[in-house]
PDB file of N, CA and C in Angstrom:
ATOM      1  N   MET A   1       6.842  12.346  25.354  1.00  0.00           N
ATOM      2  CA  MET A   1       6.196  11.141  24.899  1.00  0.00           C
ATOM      3  C   MET A   1       7.256  10.215  24.307  1.00  0.00           C
ATOM      4  N   THR A   2       7.204   8.940  24.658  1.00  0.00           N
ATOM      5  CA  THR A   2       8.205   7.989  24.183  1.00  0.00           C
ATOM      6  C   THR A   2       7.735   7.314  22.909  1.00  0.00           C
ATOM      7  N   THR A   3       8.660   6.634  22.266  1.00  0.00           N
ATOM      8  CA  THR A   3       8.325   5.899  21.047  1.00  0.00           C
ATOM      9  C   THR A   3       7.264   4.848  21.336  1.00  0.00           C
ATOM     10  N   GLN A   4       7.347   4.215  22.501  1.00  0.00           N
ATOM     11  CA  GLN A   4       6.395   3.168  22.833  1.00  0.00           C
ATOM     12  C   GLN A   4       4.964   3.687  22.867  1.00  0.00           C
ATOM     13  N   THR A   5       4.744   4.923  23.240  1.00  0.00           N
ATOM     14  CA  THR A   5       3.393   5.445  23.330  1.00  0.00           C
ATOM     15  C   THR A   5       3.014   6.284  22.121  1.00  0.00           C
ATOM     16  N   ALA A   6       3.980   6.714  21.328  1.00  0.00           N
ATOM     17  CA  ALA A   6       3.701   7.605  20.208  1.00  0.00           C
ATOM     18  C   ALA A   6       3.392   6.860  18.910  1.00  0.00           C
ATOM     19  N   ASP A   7       3.703   5.602  18.799  1.00  0.00           N
ATOM     20  CA  ASP A   7       3.547   4.863  17.561  1.00  0.00           C
ATOM     21  C   ASP A   7       2.076   4.491  17.331  1.00  0.00           C
ATOM     22  N   ALA A   8       1.512   4.964  16.227  1.00  0.00           N
ATOM     23  CA  ALA A   8       0.101   4.727  15.925  1.00  0.00           C
ATOM     24  C   ALA A   8      -0.221   3.239  15.768  1.00  0.00           C
ATOM     25  N   MET A   9       0.734   2.451  15.303  1.00  0.00           N
ATOM     26  CA  MET A   9       0.471   1.026  15.103  1.00  0.00           C
ATOM     27  C   MET A   9       0.077   0.334  16.406  1.00  0.00           C
ATOM     28  N   LEU A  10       0.574   0.829  17.516  1.00  0.00           N
ATOM     29  CA  LEU A  10       0.274   0.208  18.804  1.00  0.00           C
ATOM     30  C   LEU A  10      -1.220   0.134  19.083  1.00  0.00           C
ATOM     31  N   ASP A  11      -1.969   1.100  18.597  1.00  0.00           N
ATOM     32  CA  ASP A  11      -3.398   1.155  18.887  1.00  0.00           C
ATOM     33  C   ASP A  11      -4.251   0.589  17.765  1.00  0.00           C
ATOM     34  N   GLU A  12      -3.614   0.048  16.734  1.00  0.00           N
ATOM     35  CA  GLU A  12      -4.347  -0.553  15.629  1.00  0.00           C
ATOM     36  C   GLU A  12      -4.533  -2.044  15.879  1.00  0.00           C
ATOM     37  N   ARG A  13      -5.547  -2.600  15.232  1.00  0.00           N
ATOM     38  CA  ARG A  13      -5.807  -4.032  15.353  1.00  0.00           C
ATOM     39  C   ARG A  13      -5.337  -4.732  14.076  1.00  0.00           C
ATOM     40  N   TRP A  14      -4.326  -5.550  14.210  1.00  0.00           N
ATOM     41  CA  TRP A  14      -3.759  -6.308  13.111  1.00  0.00           C
ATOM     42  C   TRP A  14      -3.986  -7.790  13.356  1.00  0.00           C
ATOM     43  N   SER A  15      -3.929  -8.575  12.298  1.00  0.00           N
ATOM     44  CA  SER A  15      -4.045 -10.027  12.439  1.00  0.00           C
ATOM     45  C   SER A  15      -3.226 -10.699  11.340  1.00  0.00           C
ATOM     46  N   LEU A  16      -2.997 -11.964  11.548  1.00  0.00           N
ATOM     47  CA  LEU A  16      -2.339 -12.763  10.522  1.00  0.00           C
ATOM     48  C   LEU A  16      -3.296 -12.839   9.331  1.00  0.00           C
ATOM     49  N   SER A  17      -2.793 -12.644   8.151  1.00  0.00           N
ATOM     50  CA  SER A  17      -3.631 -12.720   6.958  1.00  0.00           C
ATOM     51  C   SER A  17      -4.286 -14.091   6.878  1.00  0.00           C
ATOM     52  N   THR A  18      -5.501 -14.123   6.370  1.00  0.00           N
ATOM     53  CA  THR A  18      -6.209 -15.400   6.232  1.00  0.00           C
ATOM     54  C   THR A  18      -5.539 -16.305   5.201  1.00  0.00           C
ATOM     55  N   SER A  19      -4.649 -15.764   4.391  1.00  0.00           N
ATOM     56  CA  SER A  19      -3.925 -16.541   3.388  1.00  0.00           C
ATOM     57  C   SER A  19      -2.577 -17.047   3.891  1.00  0.00           C
ATOM     58  N   VAL A  20      -2.318 -16.844   5.182  1.00  0.00           N
ATOM     59  CA  VAL A  20      -1.013 -17.201   5.741  1.00  0.00           C
ATOM     60  C   VAL A  20      -1.148 -18.330   6.755  1.00  0.00           C
ATOM     61  N   ALA A  21      -0.215 -19.265   6.673  1.00  0.00           N
ATOM     62  CA  ALA A  21      -0.117 -20.342   7.657  1.00  0.00           C
ATOM     63  C   ALA A  21       1.238 -20.247   8.344  1.00  0.00           C
ATOM     64  N   LEU A  22       1.240 -20.483   9.646  1.00  0.00           N
ATOM     65  CA  LEU A  22       2.488 -20.531  10.416  1.00  0.00           C
ATOM     66  C   LEU A  22       2.834 -21.983  10.707  1.00  0.00           C
ATOM     67  N   ARG A  23       4.081 -22.337  10.465  1.00  0.00           N
ATOM     68  CA  ARG A  23       4.552 -23.673  10.813  1.00  0.00           C
ATOM     69  C   ARG A  23       5.620 -23.523  11.882  1.00  0.00           C
ATOM     70  N   PRO A  24       5.373 -24.069  13.072  1.00  0.00           N
ATOM     71  CA  PRO A  24       6.367 -23.965  14.145  1.00  0.00           C
ATOM     72  C   PRO A  24       7.687 -24.624  13.751  1.00  0.00           C
ATOM     73  N   GLU A  25       8.756 -23.971  14.146  1.00  0.00           N
ATOM     74  CA  GLU A  25      10.115 -24.472  13.925  1.00  0.00           C
ATOM     75  C   GLU A  25      10.920 -24.212  15.194  1.00  0.00           C
ATOM     76  N   PRO A  26      12.027 -24.912  15.404  1.00  0.00           N
ATOM     77  CA  PRO A  26      12.829 -24.680  16.609  1.00  0.00           C
ATOM     78  C   PRO A  26      13.295 -23.232  16.765  1.00  0.00           C
ATOM     79  N   PHE A  27      13.541 -22.543  15.649  1.00  0.00           N
ATOM     80  CA  PHE A  27      14.016 -21.161  15.711  1.00  0.00           C
ATOM     81  C   PHE A  27      12.878 -20.154  15.840  1.00  0.00           C
ATOM     82  N   GLY A  28      11.640 -20.566  15.626  1.00  0.00           N
ATOM     83  CA  GLY A  28      10.484 -19.673  15.658  1.00  0.00           C
ATOM     84  C   GLY A  28       9.364 -20.238  14.820  1.00  0.00           C
ATOM     85  N   ALA A  29       9.266 -19.801  13.547  1.00  0.00           N
ATOM     86  CA  ALA A  29       8.230 -20.332  12.656  1.00  0.00           C
ATOM     87  C   ALA A  29       8.515 -19.942  11.216  1.00  0.00           C
ATOM     88  N   LEU A  30       7.922 -20.691  10.315  1.00  0.00           N
ATOM     89  CA  LEU A  30       7.877 -20.331   8.910  1.00  0.00           C
ATOM     90  C   LEU A  30       6.478 -19.795   8.644  1.00  0.00           C
ATOM     91  N   ALA A  31       6.389 -18.689   7.945  1.00  0.00           N
ATOM     92  CA  ALA A  31       5.102 -18.143   7.542  1.00  0.00           C
ATOM     93  C   ALA A  31       5.021 -18.266   6.031  1.00  0.00           C
ATOM     94  N   TYR A  32       3.970 -18.932   5.554  1.00  0.00           N
ATOM     95  CA  TYR A  32       3.793 -19.108   4.117  1.00  0.00           C
ATOM     96  C   TYR A  32       2.507 -18.432   3.688  1.00  0.00           C
ATOM     97  N   HIS A  33       2.614 -17.563   2.686  1.00  0.00           N
ATOM     98  CA  HIS A  33       1.460 -16.851   2.139  1.00  0.00           C
ATOM     99  C   HIS A  33       1.014 -17.607   0.890  1.00  0.00           C
ATOM    100  N   PHE A  34      -0.170 -18.208   0.940  1.00  0.00           N
ATOM    101  CA  PHE A  34      -0.643 -19.040  -0.159  1.00  0.00           C
ATOM    102  C   PHE A  34      -0.989 -18.235  -1.411  1.00  0.00           C
ATOM    103  N   ALA A  35      -1.369 -16.978  -1.262  1.00  0.00           N
ATOM    104  CA  ALA A  35      -1.752 -16.170  -2.426  1.00  0.00           C
ATOM    105  C   ALA A  35      -0.537 -15.667  -3.208  1.00  0.00           C
ATOM    106  N   ASN A  36       0.463 -15.122  -2.512  1.00  0.00           N
ATOM    107  CA  ASN A  36       1.623 -14.588  -3.235  1.00  0.00           C
ATOM    108  C   ASN A  36       2.842 -15.518  -3.181  1.00  0.00           C
ATOM    109  N   ARG A  37       2.691 -16.654  -2.511  1.00  0.00           N
ATOM    110  CA  ARG A  37       3.698 -17.714  -2.427  1.00  0.00           C
ATOM    111  C   ARG A  37       4.985 -17.287  -1.728  1.00  0.00           C
ATOM    112  N   ARG A  38       4.872 -16.272  -0.872  1.00  0.00           N
ATOM    113  CA  ARG A  38       6.047 -15.825  -0.109  1.00  0.00           C
ATOM    114  C   ARG A  38       6.252 -16.712   1.115  1.00  0.00           C
ATOM    115  N   LEU A  39       7.504 -16.953   1.396  1.00  0.00           N
ATOM    116  CA  LEU A  39       7.899 -17.688   2.590  1.00  0.00           C
ATOM    117  C   LEU A  39       8.744 -16.741   3.436  1.00  0.00           C
ATOM    118  N   THR A  40       8.363 -16.602   4.691  1.00  0.00           N
ATOM    119  CA  THR A  40       9.076 -15.707   5.595  1.00  0.00           C
ATOM    120  C   THR A  40       9.472 -16.480   6.843  1.00  0.00           C
ATOM    121  N   PHE A  41      10.684 -16.250   7.307  1.00  0.00           N
ATOM    122  CA  PHE A  41      11.176 -16.880   8.524  1.00  0.00           C
ATOM    123  C   PHE A  41      10.956 -15.929   9.696  1.00  0.00           C
ATOM    124  N   LEU A  42      10.239 -16.387  10.699  1.00  0.00           N
ATOM    125  CA  LEU A  42      10.122 -15.643  11.960  1.00  0.00           C
ATOM    126  C   LEU A  42      11.169 -16.268  12.866  1.00  0.00           C
ATOM    127  N   LYS A  43      12.277 -15.555  13.058  1.00  0.00           N
ATOM    128  CA  LYS A  43      13.470 -16.138  13.654  1.00  0.00           C
ATOM    129  C   LYS A  43      13.512 -16.083  15.171  1.00  0.00           C
ATOM    130  N   ARG A  44      12.433 -15.629  15.783  1.00  0.00           N
ATOM    131  CA  ARG A  44      12.399 -15.570  17.249  1.00  0.00           C
ATOM    132  C   ARG A  44      11.066 -16.105  17.743  1.00  0.00           C
ATOM    133  N   PRO A  45      11.102 -17.057  18.661  1.00  0.00           N
ATOM    134  CA  PRO A  45       9.849 -17.559  19.234  1.00  0.00           C
ATOM    135  C   PRO A  45       9.010 -16.445  19.870  1.00  0.00           C
ATOM    136  N   GLU A  46       9.688 -15.420  20.384  1.00  0.00           N
ATOM    137  CA  GLU A  46       8.963 -14.303  21.007  1.00  0.00           C
ATOM    138  C   GLU A  46       8.138 -13.534  19.961  1.00  0.00           C
ATOM    139  N   LEU A  47       8.680 -13.385  18.755  1.00  0.00           N
ATOM    140  CA  LEU A  47       7.939 -12.720  17.684  1.00  0.00           C
ATOM    141  C   LEU A  47       6.740 -13.573  17.276  1.00  0.00           C
ATOM    142  N   VAL A  48       6.932 -14.873  17.226  1.00  0.00           N
ATOM    143  CA  VAL A  48       5.818 -15.776  16.912  1.00  0.00           C
ATOM    144  C   VAL A  48       4.720 -15.619  17.963  1.00  0.00           C
ATOM    145  N   ALA A  49       5.098 -15.508  19.220  1.00  0.00           N
ATOM    146  CA  ALA A  49       4.114 -15.325  20.288  1.00  0.00           C
ATOM    147  C   ALA A  49       3.314 -14.037  20.089  1.00  0.00           C
ATOM    148  N   VAL A  50       3.994 -12.974  19.665  1.00  0.00           N
ATOM    149  CA  VAL A  50       3.297 -11.702  19.415  1.00  0.00           C
ATOM    150  C   VAL A  50       2.348 -11.855  18.234  1.00  0.00           C
ATOM    151  N   VAL A  51       2.807 -12.465  17.147  1.00  0.00           N
ATOM    152  CA  VAL A  51       1.964 -12.642  15.961  1.00  0.00           C
ATOM    153  C   VAL A  51       0.737 -13.476  16.318  1.00  0.00           C
ATOM    154  N   ARG A  52       0.920 -14.521  17.084  1.00  0.00           N
ATOM    155  CA  ARG A  52      -0.223 -15.352  17.495  1.00  0.00           C
ATOM    156  C   ARG A  52      -1.154 -14.580  18.432  1.00  0.00           C
ATOM    157  N   ALA A  53      -0.597 -13.726  19.277  1.00  0.00           N
ATOM    158  CA  ALA A  53      -1.402 -12.958  20.230  1.00  0.00           C
ATOM    159  C   ALA A  53      -2.252 -11.890  19.545  1.00  0.00           C
ATOM    160  N   LEU A  54      -1.883 -11.505  18.328  1.00  0.00           N
ATOM    161  CA  LEU A  54      -2.663 -10.506  17.600  1.00  0.00           C
ATOM    162  C   LEU A  54      -4.114 -10.948  17.439  1.00  0.00           C
ATOM    163  N   ALA A  55      -4.338 -12.241  17.248  1.00  0.00           N
ATOM    164  CA  ALA A  55      -5.693 -12.753  17.013  1.00  0.00           C
ATOM    165  C   ALA A  55      -6.623 -12.504  18.191  1.00  0.00           C
ATOM    166  N   GLY A  56      -6.111 -12.539  19.394  1.00  0.00           N
ATOM    167  CA  GLY A  56      -6.955 -12.370  20.562  1.00  0.00           C
ATOM    168  C   GLY A  56      -6.875 -10.997  21.199  1.00  0.00           C
ATOM    169  N   SER A  57      -6.229 -10.072  20.519  1.00  0.00           N
ATOM    170  CA  SER A  57      -6.019  -8.738  21.090  1.00  0.00           C
ATOM    171  C   SER A  57      -6.769  -7.686  20.288  1.00  0.00           C
ATOM    172  N   THR A  58      -7.119  -6.616  20.970  1.00  0.00           N
ATOM    173  CA  THR A  58      -7.798  -5.513  20.292  1.00  0.00           C
ATOM    174  C   THR A  58      -6.810  -4.502  19.727  1.00  0.00           C
ATOM    175  N   SER A  59      -5.511  -4.716  19.990  1.00  0.00           N
ATOM    176  CA  SER A  59      -4.487  -3.808  19.481  1.00  0.00           C
ATOM    177  C   SER A  59      -3.130  -4.507  19.502  1.00  0.00           C
ATOM    178  N   VAL A  60      -2.195  -3.919  18.780  1.00  0.00           N
ATOM    179  CA  VAL A  60      -0.824  -4.423  18.810  1.00  0.00           C
ATOM    180  C   VAL A  60      -0.264  -4.286  20.228  1.00  0.00           C
ATOM    181  N   ARG A  61      -0.599  -3.179  20.888  1.00  0.00           N
ATOM    182  CA  ARG A  61      -0.158  -2.975  22.274  1.00  0.00           C
ATOM    183  C   ARG A  61      -0.601  -4.159  23.141  1.00  0.00           C
ATOM    184  N   GLY A  62      -1.849  -4.557  22.991  1.00  0.00           N
ATOM    185  CA  GLY A  62      -2.374  -5.686  23.764  1.00  0.00           C
ATOM    186  C   GLY A  62      -1.642  -6.978  23.461  1.00  0.00           C
ATOM    187  N   ALA A  63      -1.296  -7.187  22.195  1.00  0.00           N
ATOM    188  CA  ALA A  63      -0.553  -8.392  21.812  1.00  0.00           C
ATOM    189  C   ALA A  63       0.848  -8.393  22.419  1.00  0.00           C
ATOM    190  N   LEU A  64       1.506  -7.236  22.389  1.00  0.00           N
ATOM    191  CA  LEU A  64       2.846  -7.131  22.986  1.00  0.00           C
ATOM    192  C   LEU A  64       2.781  -7.384  24.493  1.00  0.00           C
ATOM    193  N   GLU A  65       1.788  -6.817  25.131  1.00  0.00           N
ATOM    194  CA  GLU A  65       1.626  -7.028  26.574  1.00  0.00           C
ATOM    195  C   GLU A  65       1.295  -8.489  26.874  1.00  0.00           C
ATOM    196  N   SER A  66       0.415  -9.088  26.062  1.00  0.00           N
ATOM    197  CA  SER A  66       0.031 -10.485  26.251  1.00  0.00           C
ATOM    198  C   SER A  66       1.231 -11.421  26.106  1.00  0.00           C
ATOM    199  N   ALA A  67       2.116 -11.090  25.168  1.00  0.00           N
ATOM    200  CA  ALA A  67       3.320 -11.897  24.947  1.00  0.00           C
ATOM    201  C   ALA A  67       4.448 -11.526  25.911  1.00  0.00           C
ATOM    202  N   GLU A  68       4.163 -10.593  26.815  1.00  0.00           N
ATOM    203  CA  GLU A  68       5.115 -10.165  27.854  1.00  0.00           C
ATOM    204  C   GLU A  68       6.415  -9.599  27.275  1.00  0.00           C
ATOM    205  N   VAL A  69       6.284  -8.832  26.192  1.00  0.00           N
ATOM    206  CA  VAL A  69       7.439  -8.156  25.608  1.00  0.00           C
ATOM    207  C   VAL A  69       7.679  -6.879  26.412  1.00  0.00           C
ATOM    208  N   PRO A  70       8.882  -6.677  26.935  1.00  0.00           N
ATOM    209  CA  PRO A  70       9.178  -5.450  27.679  1.00  0.00           C
ATOM    210  C   PRO A  70       9.025  -4.212  26.781  1.00  0.00           C
ATOM    211  N   PRO A  71       8.405  -3.146  27.288  1.00  0.00           N
ATOM    212  CA  PRO A  71       8.196  -1.943  26.477  1.00  0.00           C
ATOM    213  C   PRO A  71       9.454  -1.404  25.802  1.00  0.00           C
ATOM    214  N   VAL A  72      10.601  -1.572  26.408  1.00  0.00           N
ATOM    215  CA  VAL A  72      11.841  -1.082  25.801  1.00  0.00           C
ATOM    216  C   VAL A  72      12.128  -1.813  24.480  1.00  0.00           C
ATOM    217  N   GLN A  73      11.575  -3.005  24.287  1.00  0.00           N
ATOM    218  CA  GLN A  73      11.795  -3.780  23.064  1.00  0.00           C
ATOM    219  C   GLN A  73      10.701  -3.558  22.019  1.00  0.00           C
ATOM    220  N   TRP A  74       9.663  -2.827  22.360  1.00  0.00           N
ATOM    221  CA  TRP A  74       8.546  -2.630  21.434  1.00  0.00           C
ATOM    222  C   TRP A  74       8.966  -2.055  20.086  1.00  0.00           C
ATOM    223  N   PRO A  75       9.868  -1.067  20.023  1.00  0.00           N
ATOM    224  CA  PRO A  75      10.245  -0.535  18.693  1.00  0.00           C
ATOM    225  C   PRO A  75      10.778  -1.612  17.746  1.00  0.00           C
ATOM    226  N   ALA A  76      11.554  -2.541  18.244  1.00  0.00           N
ATOM    227  CA  ALA A  76      12.080  -3.617  17.392  1.00  0.00           C
ATOM    228  C   ALA A  76      10.955  -4.529  16.910  1.00  0.00           C
ATOM    229  N   TYR A  77      10.026  -4.826  17.791  1.00  0.00           N
ATOM    230  CA  TYR A  77       8.896  -5.676  17.409  1.00  0.00           C
ATOM    231  C   TYR A  77       7.984  -4.958  16.420  1.00  0.00           C
ATOM    232  N   LEU A  78       7.776  -3.663  16.628  1.00  0.00           N
ATOM    233  CA  LEU A  78       6.958  -2.891  15.685  1.00  0.00           C
ATOM    234  C   LEU A  78       7.595  -2.884  14.304  1.00  0.00           C
ATOM    235  N   ALA A  79       8.910  -2.774  14.244  1.00  0.00           N
ATOM    236  CA  ALA A  79       9.612  -2.817  12.957  1.00  0.00           C
ATOM    237  C   ALA A  79       9.407  -4.181  12.290  1.00  0.00           C
ATOM    238  N   ALA A  80       9.495  -5.245  13.067  1.00  0.00           N
ATOM    239  CA  ALA A  80       9.280  -6.590  12.521  1.00  0.00           C
ATOM    240  C   ALA A  80       7.841  -6.755  12.037  1.00  0.00           C
ATOM    241  N   LEU A  81       6.879  -6.251  12.809  1.00  0.00           N
ATOM    242  CA  LEU A  81       5.473  -6.345  12.409  1.00  0.00           C
ATOM    243  C   LEU A  81       5.207  -5.535  11.147  1.00  0.00           C
ATOM    244  N   ARG A  82       5.851  -4.376  11.033  1.00  0.00           N
ATOM    245  CA  ARG A  82       5.707  -3.577   9.809  1.00  0.00           C
ATOM    246  C   ARG A  82       6.253  -4.333   8.598  1.00  0.00           C
ATOM    247  N   GLY A  83       7.361  -5.018   8.787  1.00  0.00           N
ATOM    248  CA  GLY A  83       7.919  -5.826   7.702  1.00  0.00           C
ATOM    249  C   GLY A  83       6.964  -6.935   7.280  1.00  0.00           C
ATOM    250  N   LEU A  84       6.336  -7.579   8.250  1.00  0.00           N
ATOM    251  CA  LEU A  84       5.355  -8.616   7.934  1.00  0.00           C
ATOM    252  C   LEU A  84       4.137  -8.017   7.237  1.00  0.00           C
ATOM    253  N   ALA A  85       3.735  -6.846   7.670  1.00  0.00           N
ATOM    254  CA  ALA A  85       2.587  -6.175   7.044  1.00  0.00           C
ATOM    255  C   ALA A  85       2.918  -5.775   5.602  1.00  0.00           C
ATOM    256  N   SER A  86       4.135  -5.322   5.359  1.00  0.00           N
ATOM    257  CA  SER A  86       4.513  -4.883   4.013  1.00  0.00           C
ATOM    258  C   SER A  86       4.549  -6.039   3.017  1.00  0.00           C
ATOM    259  N   SER A  87       4.710  -7.257   3.513  1.00  0.00           N
ATOM    260  CA  SER A  87       4.697  -8.426   2.628  1.00  0.00           C
ATOM    261  C   SER A  87       3.352  -9.158   2.690  1.00  0.00           C
ATOM    262  N   ASP A  88       2.342  -8.480   3.228  1.00  0.00           N
ATOM    263  CA  ASP A  88       0.969  -9.005   3.312  1.00  0.00           C
ATOM    264  C   ASP A  88       0.821 -10.223   4.214  1.00  0.00           C
ATOM    265  N   MET A  89       1.778 -10.449   5.085  1.00  0.00           N
ATOM    266  CA  MET A  89       1.637 -11.541   6.058  1.00  0.00           C
ATOM    267  C   MET A  89       0.630 -11.144   7.146  1.00  0.00           C
ATOM    268  N   LEU A  90       0.592  -9.860   7.451  1.00  0.00           N
ATOM    269  CA  LEU A  90      -0.375  -9.331   8.419  1.00  0.00           C
ATOM    270  C   LEU A  90      -1.327  -8.399   7.691  1.00  0.00           C
ATOM    271  N   GLN A  91      -2.519  -8.297   8.210  1.00  0.00           N
ATOM    272  CA  GLN A  91      -3.486  -7.360   7.637  1.00  0.00           C
ATOM    273  C   GLN A  91      -4.112  -6.545   8.742  1.00  0.00           C
ATOM    274  N   LEU A  92      -4.375  -5.306   8.414  1.00  0.00           N
ATOM    275  CA  LEU A  92      -5.073  -4.404   9.334  1.00  0.00           C
ATOM    276  C   LEU A  92      -6.517  -4.856   9.382  1.00  0.00           C
ATOM    277  N   GLU A  93      -7.042  -5.052  10.579  1.00  0.00           N
ATOM    278  CA  GLU A  93      -8.422  -5.511  10.715  1.00  0.00           C
ATOM    279  C   GLU A  93      -9.361  -4.519  10.049  1.00  0.00           C
ATOM    280  N   GLY A  94     -10.346  -5.052   9.364  1.00  0.00           N
ATOM    281  CA  GLY A  94     -11.296  -4.211   8.654  1.00  0.00           C
ATOM    282  C   GLY A  94     -10.896  -3.913   7.231  1.00  0.00           C
ATOM    283  N   THR A  95      -9.743  -4.485   6.798  1.00  0.00           N
ATOM    284  CA  THR A  95      -9.309  -4.300   5.419  1.00  0.00           C
ATOM    285  C   THR A  95      -9.217  -5.658   4.752  1.00  0.00           C
ATOM    286  N   ALA A  96      -9.496  -5.729   3.506  1.00  0.00           N
ATOM    287  CA  ALA A  96      -9.381  -6.983   2.758  1.00  0.00           C
ATOM    288  C   ALA A  96      -8.123  -6.930   1.904  1.00  0.00           C
ATOM    289  N   ARG A  97      -7.352  -7.999   1.941  1.00  0.00           N
ATOM    290  CA  ARG A  97      -6.135  -8.091   1.123  1.00  0.00           C
ATOM    291  C   ARG A  97      -6.110  -9.413   0.426  1.00  0.00           C
TER     292      ARG A  97
END
């Protein structure tokens, strides 16, 4: 079993926190969390595409596929998504933050 199929996050449904706004920038986007006042730089347009795709996907796997991220790159994207989740930029669907 590979990392791409073994990671539990792939089958979870995540979304951008309702307290977060994305502002497009040439390098990707700025994410601002209105509740904790954190500002995060999403430095790749491809990562922004994945974050935006989360809203219309039933899983992280679906968002990665929708954004056409090659499976070999999924571990890096999962690490980035975990970082966003740890700063409350993303929330697991069905949980309130």
